[in-house]
Amino acid sequence: MTWLWSVLLVVGVALLGYTAVRVLAGGLADGSGGADLRTSSGGPRARQVLDERYAAGELSTQEYEERRAVLARGEDGS
């Protein structure tokens, strides 16, 4: 019976570690699997995040337009 608790503990620690890695990579919240938003094509997810940040008031109109132009050109701004 003690071995059962040991197995459950190991499985629990493994799941906790897996979840921590996924959360730190940003993969659970948005379903992207931790994918980088800075794609060479300025993909739809990057534009969606930009639109959301603008709508939330995190970006000025000037910043929004500049970043939108960068995505349209396919550059990552770095």
PDB file of N, CA and C in Angstrom:
ATOM      1  N   MET A   1       0.819  -1.195   0.000  1.00  0.00           N
ATOM      2  CA  MET A   1       0.000   0.000   0.000  1.00  0.00           C
ATOM      3  C   MET A   1       0.861   1.256   0.000  1.00  0.00           C
ATOM      4  N   THR A   2       2.020   1.189   0.645  1.00  0.00           N
ATOM      5  CA  THR A   2       2.921   2.343   0.677  1.00  0.00           C
ATOM      6  C   THR A   2       3.437   2.662  -0.719  1.00  0.00           C
ATOM      7  N   TRP A   3       3.637   1.646  -1.531  1.00  0.00           N
ATOM      8  CA  TRP A   3       4.137   1.870  -2.888  1.00  0.00           C
ATOM      9  C   TRP A   3       3.136   2.672  -3.712  1.00  0.00           C
ATOM     10  N   LEU A   4       1.832   2.499  -3.426  1.00  0.00           N
ATOM     11  CA  LEU A   4       0.801   3.239  -4.154  1.00  0.00           C
ATOM     12  C   LEU A   4       0.940   4.739  -3.904  1.00  0.00           C
ATOM     13  N   TRP A   5       1.169   5.120  -2.672  1.00  0.00           N
ATOM     14  CA  TRP A   5       1.357   6.543  -2.352  1.00  0.00           C
ATOM     15  C   TRP A   5       2.640   7.085  -2.997  1.00  0.00           C
ATOM     16  N   SER A   6       3.648   6.273  -3.072  1.00  0.00           N
ATOM     17  CA  SER A   6       4.896   6.688  -3.726  1.00  0.00           C
ATOM     18  C   SER A   6       4.671   6.948  -5.216  1.00  0.00           C
ATOM     19  N   VAL A   7       3.939   6.064  -5.847  1.00  0.00           N
ATOM     20  CA  VAL A   7       3.640   6.227  -7.271  1.00  0.00           C
ATOM     21  C   VAL A   7       2.793   7.480  -7.491  1.00  0.00           C
ATOM     22  N   LEU A   8       1.784   7.669  -6.663  1.00  0.00           N
ATOM     23  CA  LEU A   8       0.941   8.862  -6.779  1.00  0.00           C
ATOM     24  C   LEU A   8       1.748  10.143  -6.562  1.00  0.00           C
ATOM     25  N   LEU A   9       2.679  10.117  -5.645  1.00  0.00           N
ATOM     26  CA  LEU A   9       3.525  11.280  -5.389  1.00  0.00           C
ATOM     27  C   LEU A   9       4.400  11.587  -6.603  1.00  0.00           C
ATOM     28  N   VAL A  10       4.998  10.567  -7.187  1.00  0.00           N
ATOM     29  CA  VAL A  10       5.856  10.765  -8.367  1.00  0.00           C
ATOM     30  C   VAL A  10       5.029  11.312  -9.536  1.00  0.00           C
ATOM     31  N   VAL A  11       3.858  10.757  -9.762  1.00  0.00           N
ATOM     32  CA  VAL A  11       2.988  11.233 -10.847  1.00  0.00           C
ATOM     33  C   VAL A  11       2.564  12.678 -10.579  1.00  0.00           C
ATOM     34  N   GLY A  12       2.217  12.993  -9.346  1.00  0.00           N
ATOM     35  CA  GLY A  12       1.822  14.360  -9.007  1.00  0.00           C
ATOM     36  C   GLY A  12       2.942  15.366  -9.223  1.00  0.00           C
ATOM     37  N   VAL A  13       4.150  15.010  -8.823  1.00  0.00           N
ATOM     38  CA  VAL A  13       5.301  15.902  -9.019  1.00  0.00           C
ATOM     39  C   VAL A  13       5.580  16.086 -10.510  1.00  0.00           C
ATOM     40  N   ALA A  14       5.461  15.015 -11.281  1.00  0.00           N
ATOM     41  CA  ALA A  14       5.685  15.109 -12.727  1.00  0.00           C
ATOM     42  C   ALA A  14       4.653  16.022 -13.377  1.00  0.00           C
ATOM     43  N   LEU A  15       3.387  15.872 -13.013  1.00  0.00           N
ATOM     44  CA  LEU A  15       2.344  16.738 -13.567  1.00  0.00           C
ATOM     45  C   LEU A  15       2.536  18.193 -13.155  1.00  0.00           C
ATOM     46  N   LEU A  16       2.948  18.416 -11.924  1.00  0.00           N
ATOM     47  CA  LEU A  16       3.206  19.768 -11.451  1.00  0.00           C
ATOM     48  C   LEU A  16       4.359  20.401 -12.235  1.00  0.00           C
ATOM     49  N   GLY A  17       5.409  19.631 -12.468  1.00  0.00           N
ATOM     50  CA  GLY A  17       6.537  20.130 -13.252  1.00  0.00           C
ATOM     51  C   GLY A  17       6.138  20.443 -14.683  1.00  0.00           C
ATOM     52  N   TYR A  18       5.372  19.571 -15.292  1.00  0.00           N
ATOM     53  CA  TYR A  18       4.905  19.781 -16.662  1.00  0.00           C
ATOM     54  C   TYR A  18       4.049  21.050 -16.749  1.00  0.00           C
ATOM     55  N   THR A  19       3.130  21.208 -15.810  1.00  0.00           N
ATOM     56  CA  THR A  19       2.263  22.385 -15.803  1.00  0.00           C
ATOM     57  C   THR A  19       3.073  23.653 -15.596  1.00  0.00           C
ATOM     58  N   ALA A  20       4.046  23.622 -14.717  1.00  0.00           N
ATOM     59  CA  ALA A  20       4.880  24.800 -14.472  1.00  0.00           C
ATOM     60  C   ALA A  20       5.641  25.203 -15.727  1.00  0.00           C
ATOM     61  N   VAL A  21       6.180  24.242 -16.445  1.00  0.00           N
ATOM     62  CA  VAL A  21       6.905  24.546 -17.681  1.00  0.00           C
ATOM     63  C   VAL A  21       5.961  25.150 -18.713  1.00  0.00           C
ATOM     64  N   ARG A  22       4.780  24.599 -18.856  1.00  0.00           N
ATOM     65  CA  ARG A  22       3.815  25.122 -19.833  1.00  0.00           C
ATOM     66  C   ARG A  22       3.373  26.529 -19.484  1.00  0.00           C
ATOM     67  N   VAL A  23       3.126  26.796 -18.201  1.00  0.00           N
ATOM     68  CA  VAL A  23       2.691  28.130 -17.782  1.00  0.00           C
ATOM     69  C   VAL A  23       3.816  29.135 -18.000  1.00  0.00           C
ATOM     70  N   LEU A  24       5.024  28.778 -17.638  1.00  0.00           N
ATOM     71  CA  LEU A  24       6.149  29.691 -17.824  1.00  0.00           C
ATOM     72  C   LEU A  24       6.434  29.954 -19.296  1.00  0.00           C
ATOM     73  N   ALA A  25       6.119  29.001 -20.150  1.00  0.00           N
ATOM     74  CA  ALA A  25       6.305  29.178 -21.590  1.00  0.00           C
ATOM     75  C   ALA A  25       5.128  29.921 -22.207  1.00  0.00           C
ATOM     76  N   GLY A  26       4.074  30.149 -21.442  1.00  0.00           N
ATOM     77  CA  GLY A  26       2.917  30.866 -21.947  1.00  0.00           C
ATOM     78  C   GLY A  26       1.992  30.016 -22.789  1.00  0.00           C
ATOM     79  N   GLY A  27       2.042  28.725 -22.620  1.00  0.00           N
ATOM     80  CA  GLY A  27       1.290  27.838 -23.479  1.00  0.00           C
ATOM     81  C   GLY A  27      -0.104  27.470 -23.024  1.00  0.00           C
ATOM     82  N   LEU A  28      -0.433  27.614 -21.779  1.00  0.00           N
ATOM     83  CA  LEU A  28      -1.752  27.185 -21.327  1.00  0.00           C
ATOM     84  C   LEU A  28      -2.808  28.254 -21.517  1.00  0.00           C
ATOM     85  N   ALA A  29      -2.465  29.507 -21.307  1.00  0.00           N
ATOM     86  CA  ALA A  29      -3.458  30.563 -21.339  1.00  0.00           C
ATOM     87  C   ALA A  29      -4.026  30.800 -22.719  1.00  0.00           C
ATOM     88  N   ASP A  30      -3.201  30.789 -23.734  1.00  0.00           N
ATOM     89  CA  ASP A  30      -3.679  31.129 -25.062  1.00  0.00           C
ATOM     90  C   ASP A  30      -3.780  29.952 -26.010  1.00  0.00           C
ATOM     91  N   GLY A  31      -3.391  28.769 -25.571  1.00  0.00           N
ATOM     92  CA  GLY A  31      -3.497  27.598 -26.424  1.00  0.00           C
ATOM     93  C   GLY A  31      -2.485  27.551 -27.545  1.00  0.00           C
ATOM     94  N   SER A  32      -1.491  28.406 -27.515  1.00  0.00           N
ATOM     95  CA  SER A  32      -0.524  28.455 -28.607  1.00  0.00           C
ATOM     96  C   SER A  32       0.596  27.456 -28.431  1.00  0.00           C
ATOM     97  N   GLY A  33       0.648  26.784 -27.304  1.00  0.00           N
ATOM     98  CA  GLY A  33       1.720  25.837 -27.075  1.00  0.00           C
ATOM     99  C   GLY A  33       3.040  26.516 -26.821  1.00  0.00           C
ATOM    100  N   GLY A  34       3.010  27.767 -26.416  1.00  0.00           N
ATOM    101  CA  GLY A  34       4.225  28.497 -26.139  1.00  0.00           C
ATOM    102  C   GLY A  34       4.894  29.052 -27.381  1.00  0.00           C
ATOM    103  N   ALA A  35       4.184  29.095 -28.483  1.00  0.00           N
ATOM    104  CA  ALA A  35       4.774  29.590 -29.726  1.00  0.00           C
ATOM    105  C   ALA A  35       5.108  31.075 -29.611  1.00  0.00           C
ATOM    106  N   ASP A  36       6.213  31.456 -30.249  1.00  0.00           N
ATOM    107  CA  ASP A  36       6.636  32.847 -30.267  1.00  0.00           C
ATOM    108  C   ASP A  36       5.703  33.647 -31.160  1.00  0.00           C
ATOM    109  N   LEU A  37       5.237  34.788 -30.668  1.00  0.00           N
ATOM    110  CA  LEU A  37       4.322  35.618 -31.433  1.00  0.00           C
ATOM    111  C   LEU A  37       5.026  36.390 -32.539  1.00  0.00           C
ATOM    112  N   ARG A  38       6.347  36.506 -32.463  1.00  0.00           N
ATOM    113  CA  ARG A  38       7.084  37.273 -33.452  1.00  0.00           C
ATOM    114  C   ARG A  38       7.443  36.379 -34.631  1.00  0.00           C
ATOM    115  N   THR A  39       6.509  36.173 -35.499  1.00  0.00           N
ATOM    116  CA  THR A  39       6.747  35.349 -36.673  1.00  0.00           C
ATOM    117  C   THR A  39       7.188  36.226 -37.827  1.00  0.00           C
ATOM    118  N   SER A  40       7.834  35.625 -38.799  1.00  0.00           N
ATOM    119  CA  SER A  40       8.323  36.400 -39.935  1.00  0.00           C
ATOM    120  C   SER A  40       7.184  36.981 -40.758  1.00  0.00           C
ATOM    121  N   SER A  41       6.017  36.360 -40.694  1.00  0.00           N
ATOM    122  CA  SER A  41       4.891  36.866 -41.469  1.00  0.00           C
ATOM    123  C   SER A  41       3.967  37.751 -40.645  1.00  0.00           C
ATOM    124  N   GLY A  42       4.296  37.953 -39.336  1.00  0.00           N
ATOM    125  CA  GLY A  42       3.399  38.752 -38.494  1.00  0.00           C
ATOM    126  C   GLY A  42       2.035  38.106 -38.429  1.00  0.00           C
ATOM    127  N   GLY A  43       2.001  36.837 -38.097  1.00  0.00           N
ATOM    128  CA  GLY A  43       0.795  36.023 -38.149  1.00  0.00           C
ATOM    129  C   GLY A  43      -0.418  36.618 -37.459  1.00  0.00           C
ATOM    130  N   PRO A  44      -1.550  35.980 -37.647  1.00  0.00           N
ATOM    131  CA  PRO A  44      -2.803  36.502 -37.103  1.00  0.00           C
ATOM    132  C   PRO A  44      -2.810  36.589 -35.580  1.00  0.00           C
ATOM    133  N   ARG A  45      -2.101  35.713 -34.904  1.00  0.00           N
ATOM    134  CA  ARG A  45      -2.077  35.765 -33.441  1.00  0.00           C
ATOM    135  C   ARG A  45      -1.358  37.021 -32.958  1.00  0.00           C
ATOM    136  N   ALA A  46      -0.264  37.387 -33.620  1.00  0.00           N
ATOM    137  CA  ALA A  46       0.457  38.602 -33.237  1.00  0.00           C
ATOM    138  C   ALA A  46      -0.428  39.821 -33.442  1.00  0.00           C
ATOM    139  N   ARG A  47      -1.170  39.855 -34.533  1.00  0.00           N
ATOM    140  CA  ARG A  47      -2.078  40.983 -34.796  1.00  0.00           C
ATOM    141  C   ARG A  47      -3.208  41.005 -33.766  1.00  0.00           C
ATOM    142  N   GLN A  48      -3.700  39.849 -33.391  1.00  0.00           N
ATOM    143  CA  GLN A  48      -4.764  39.764 -32.398  1.00  0.00           C
ATOM    144  C   GLN A  48      -4.292  40.307 -31.046  1.00  0.00           C
ATOM    145  N   VAL A  49      -3.084  39.943 -30.645  1.00  0.00           N
ATOM    146  CA  VAL A  49      -2.535  40.434 -29.379  1.00  0.00           C
ATOM    147  C   VAL A  49      -2.360  41.951 -29.442  1.00  0.00           C
ATOM    148  N   LEU A  50      -1.873  42.431 -30.574  1.00  0.00           N
ATOM    149  CA  LEU A  50      -1.706  43.872 -30.751  1.00  0.00           C
ATOM    150  C   LEU A  50      -3.051  44.588 -30.636  1.00  0.00           C
ATOM    151  N   ASP A  51      -4.068  44.063 -31.292  1.00  0.00           N
ATOM    152  CA  ASP A  51      -5.409  44.657 -31.225  1.00  0.00           C
ATOM    153  C   ASP A  51      -5.948  44.653 -29.797  1.00  0.00           C
ATOM    154  N   GLU A  52      -5.727  43.547 -29.079  1.00  0.00           N
ATOM    155  CA  GLU A  52      -6.205  43.444 -27.695  1.00  0.00           C
ATOM    156  C   GLU A  52      -5.516  44.457 -26.791  1.00  0.00           C
ATOM    157  N   ARG A  53      -4.207  44.620 -26.970  1.00  0.00           N
ATOM    158  CA  ARG A  53      -3.460  45.576 -26.152  1.00  0.00           C
ATOM    159  C   ARG A  53      -3.911  47.010 -26.437  1.00  0.00           C
ATOM    160  N   TYR A  54      -4.191  47.300 -27.695  1.00  0.00           N
ATOM    161  CA  TYR A  54      -4.670  48.633 -28.057  1.00  0.00           C
ATOM    162  C   TYR A  54      -6.060  48.873 -27.451  1.00  0.00           C
ATOM    163  N   ALA A  55      -6.920  47.873 -27.560  1.00  0.00           N
ATOM    164  CA  ALA A  55      -8.274  47.999 -27.010  1.00  0.00           C
ATOM    165  C   ALA A  55      -8.256  48.158 -25.494  1.00  0.00           C
ATOM    166  N   ALA A  56      -7.277  47.557 -24.841  1.00  0.00           N
ATOM    167  CA  ALA A  56      -7.179  47.658 -23.378  1.00  0.00           C
ATOM    168  C   ALA A  56      -6.525  48.966 -22.939  1.00  0.00           C
ATOM    169  N   GLY A  57      -6.063  49.763 -23.902  1.00  0.00           N
ATOM    170  CA  GLY A  57      -5.442  51.040 -23.560  1.00  0.00           C
ATOM    171  C   GLY A  57      -3.975  50.937 -23.195  1.00  0.00           C
ATOM    172  N   GLU A  58      -3.350  49.808 -23.486  1.00  0.00           N
ATOM    173  CA  GLU A  58      -1.938  49.628 -23.162  1.00  0.00           C
ATOM    174  C   GLU A  58      -1.025  50.325 -24.170  1.00  0.00           C
ATOM    175  N   LEU A  59      -1.561  50.632 -25.355  1.00  0.00           N
ATOM    176  CA  LEU A  59      -0.781  51.269 -26.412  1.00  0.00           C
ATOM    177  C   LEU A  59      -1.476  52.549 -26.865  1.00  0.00           C
ATOM    178  N   SER A  60      -0.671  53.553 -27.191  1.00  0.00           N
ATOM    179  CA  SER A  60      -1.237  54.756 -27.785  1.00  0.00           C
ATOM    180  C   SER A  60      -1.562  54.460 -29.247  1.00  0.00           C
ATOM    181  N   THR A  61      -2.328  55.345 -29.864  1.00  0.00           N
ATOM    182  CA  THR A  61      -2.665  55.157 -31.273  1.00  0.00           C
ATOM    183  C   THR A  61      -1.407  55.142 -32.128  1.00  0.00           C
ATOM    184  N   GLN A  62      -0.459  55.993 -31.813  1.00  0.00           N
ATOM    185  CA  GLN A  62       0.788  56.045 -32.580  1.00  0.00           C
ATOM    186  C   GLN A  62       1.565  54.729 -32.446  1.00  0.00           C
ATOM    187  N   GLU A  63       1.696  54.220 -31.215  1.00  0.00           N
ATOM    188  CA  GLU A  63       2.396  52.953 -31.010  1.00  0.00           C
ATOM    189  C   GLU A  63       1.699  51.813 -31.751  1.00  0.00           C
ATOM    190  N   TYR A  64       0.374  51.805 -31.668  1.00  0.00           N
ATOM    191  CA  TYR A  64      -0.405  50.761 -32.334  1.00  0.00           C
ATOM    192  C   TYR A  64      -0.164  50.776 -33.841  1.00  0.00           C
ATOM    193  N   GLU A  65      -0.250  51.961 -34.433  1.00  0.00           N
ATOM    194  CA  GLU A  65      -0.062  52.069 -35.882  1.00  0.00           C
ATOM    195  C   GLU A  65       1.352  51.691 -36.309  1.00  0.00           C
ATOM    196  N   GLU A  66       2.345  52.078 -35.505  1.00  0.00           N
ATOM    197  CA  GLU A  66       3.731  51.719 -35.824  1.00  0.00           C
ATOM    198  C   GLU A  66       3.927  50.205 -35.772  1.00  0.00           C
ATOM    199  N   ARG A  67       3.419  49.596 -34.736  1.00  0.00           N
ATOM    200  CA  ARG A  67       3.585  48.148 -34.585  1.00  0.00           C
ATOM    201  C   ARG A  67       2.790  47.378 -35.632  1.00  0.00           C
ATOM    202  N   ARG A  68       1.618  47.883 -35.978  1.00  0.00           N
ATOM    203  CA  ARG A  68       0.821  47.257 -37.028  1.00  0.00           C
ATOM    204  C   ARG A  68       1.563  47.309 -38.369  1.00  0.00           C
ATOM    205  N   ALA A  69       2.227  48.437 -38.636  1.00  0.00           N
ATOM    206  CA  ALA A  69       3.002  48.567 -39.877  1.00  0.00           C
ATOM    207  C   ALA A  69       4.176  47.593 -39.879  1.00  0.00           C
ATOM    208  N   VAL A  70       4.808  47.414 -38.730  1.00  0.00           N
ATOM    209  CA  VAL A  70       5.922  46.462 -38.643  1.00  0.00           C
ATOM    210  C   VAL A  70       5.430  45.046 -38.933  1.00  0.00           C
ATOM    211  N   LEU A  71       4.289  44.680 -38.369  1.00  0.00           N
ATOM    212  CA  LEU A  71       3.736  43.349 -38.637  1.00  0.00           C
ATOM    213  C   LEU A  71       3.375  43.208 -40.108  1.00  0.00           C
ATOM    214  N   ALA A  72       2.850  44.238 -40.707  1.00  0.00           N
ATOM    215  CA  ALA A  72       2.462  44.175 -42.114  1.00  0.00           C
ATOM    216  C   ALA A  72       3.686  43.979 -43.010  1.00  0.00           C
ATOM    217  N   ARG A  73       4.819  44.530 -42.601  1.00  0.00           N
ATOM    218  CA  ARG A  73       6.058  44.365 -43.377  1.00  0.00           C
ATOM    219  C   ARG A  73       6.702  43.012 -43.138  1.00  0.00           C
ATOM    220  N   GLY A  74       6.290  42.315 -42.081  1.00  0.00           N
ATOM    221  CA  GLY A  74       6.845  41.000 -41.789  1.00  0.00           C
ATOM    222  C   GLY A  74       8.122  41.072 -40.979  1.00  0.00           C
ATOM    223  N   GLU A  75       8.366  42.199 -40.312  1.00  0.00           N
ATOM    224  CA  GLU A  75       9.546  42.349 -39.470  1.00  0.00           C
ATOM    225  C   GLU A  75       9.145  42.118 -38.028  1.00  0.00           C
ATOM    226  N   ASP A  76      10.124  41.734 -37.210  1.00  0.00           N
ATOM    227  CA  ASP A  76       9.817  41.517 -35.802  1.00  0.00           C
ATOM    228  C   ASP A  76      10.251  42.687 -34.934  1.00  0.00           C
ATOM    229  N   GLY A  77      10.789  43.734 -35.498  1.00  0.00           N
ATOM    230  CA  GLY A  77      11.120  44.937 -34.749  1.00  0.00           C
ATOM    231  C   GLY A  77      12.416  44.885 -34.002  1.00  0.00           C
ATOM    232  N   SER A  78      13.187  43.798 -34.088  1.00  0.00           N
ATOM    233  CA  SER A  78      14.438  43.737 -33.346  1.00  0.00           C
ATOM    234  C   SER A  78      15.633  43.965 -34.233  1.00  0.00           C
TER     235      SER A  78
END
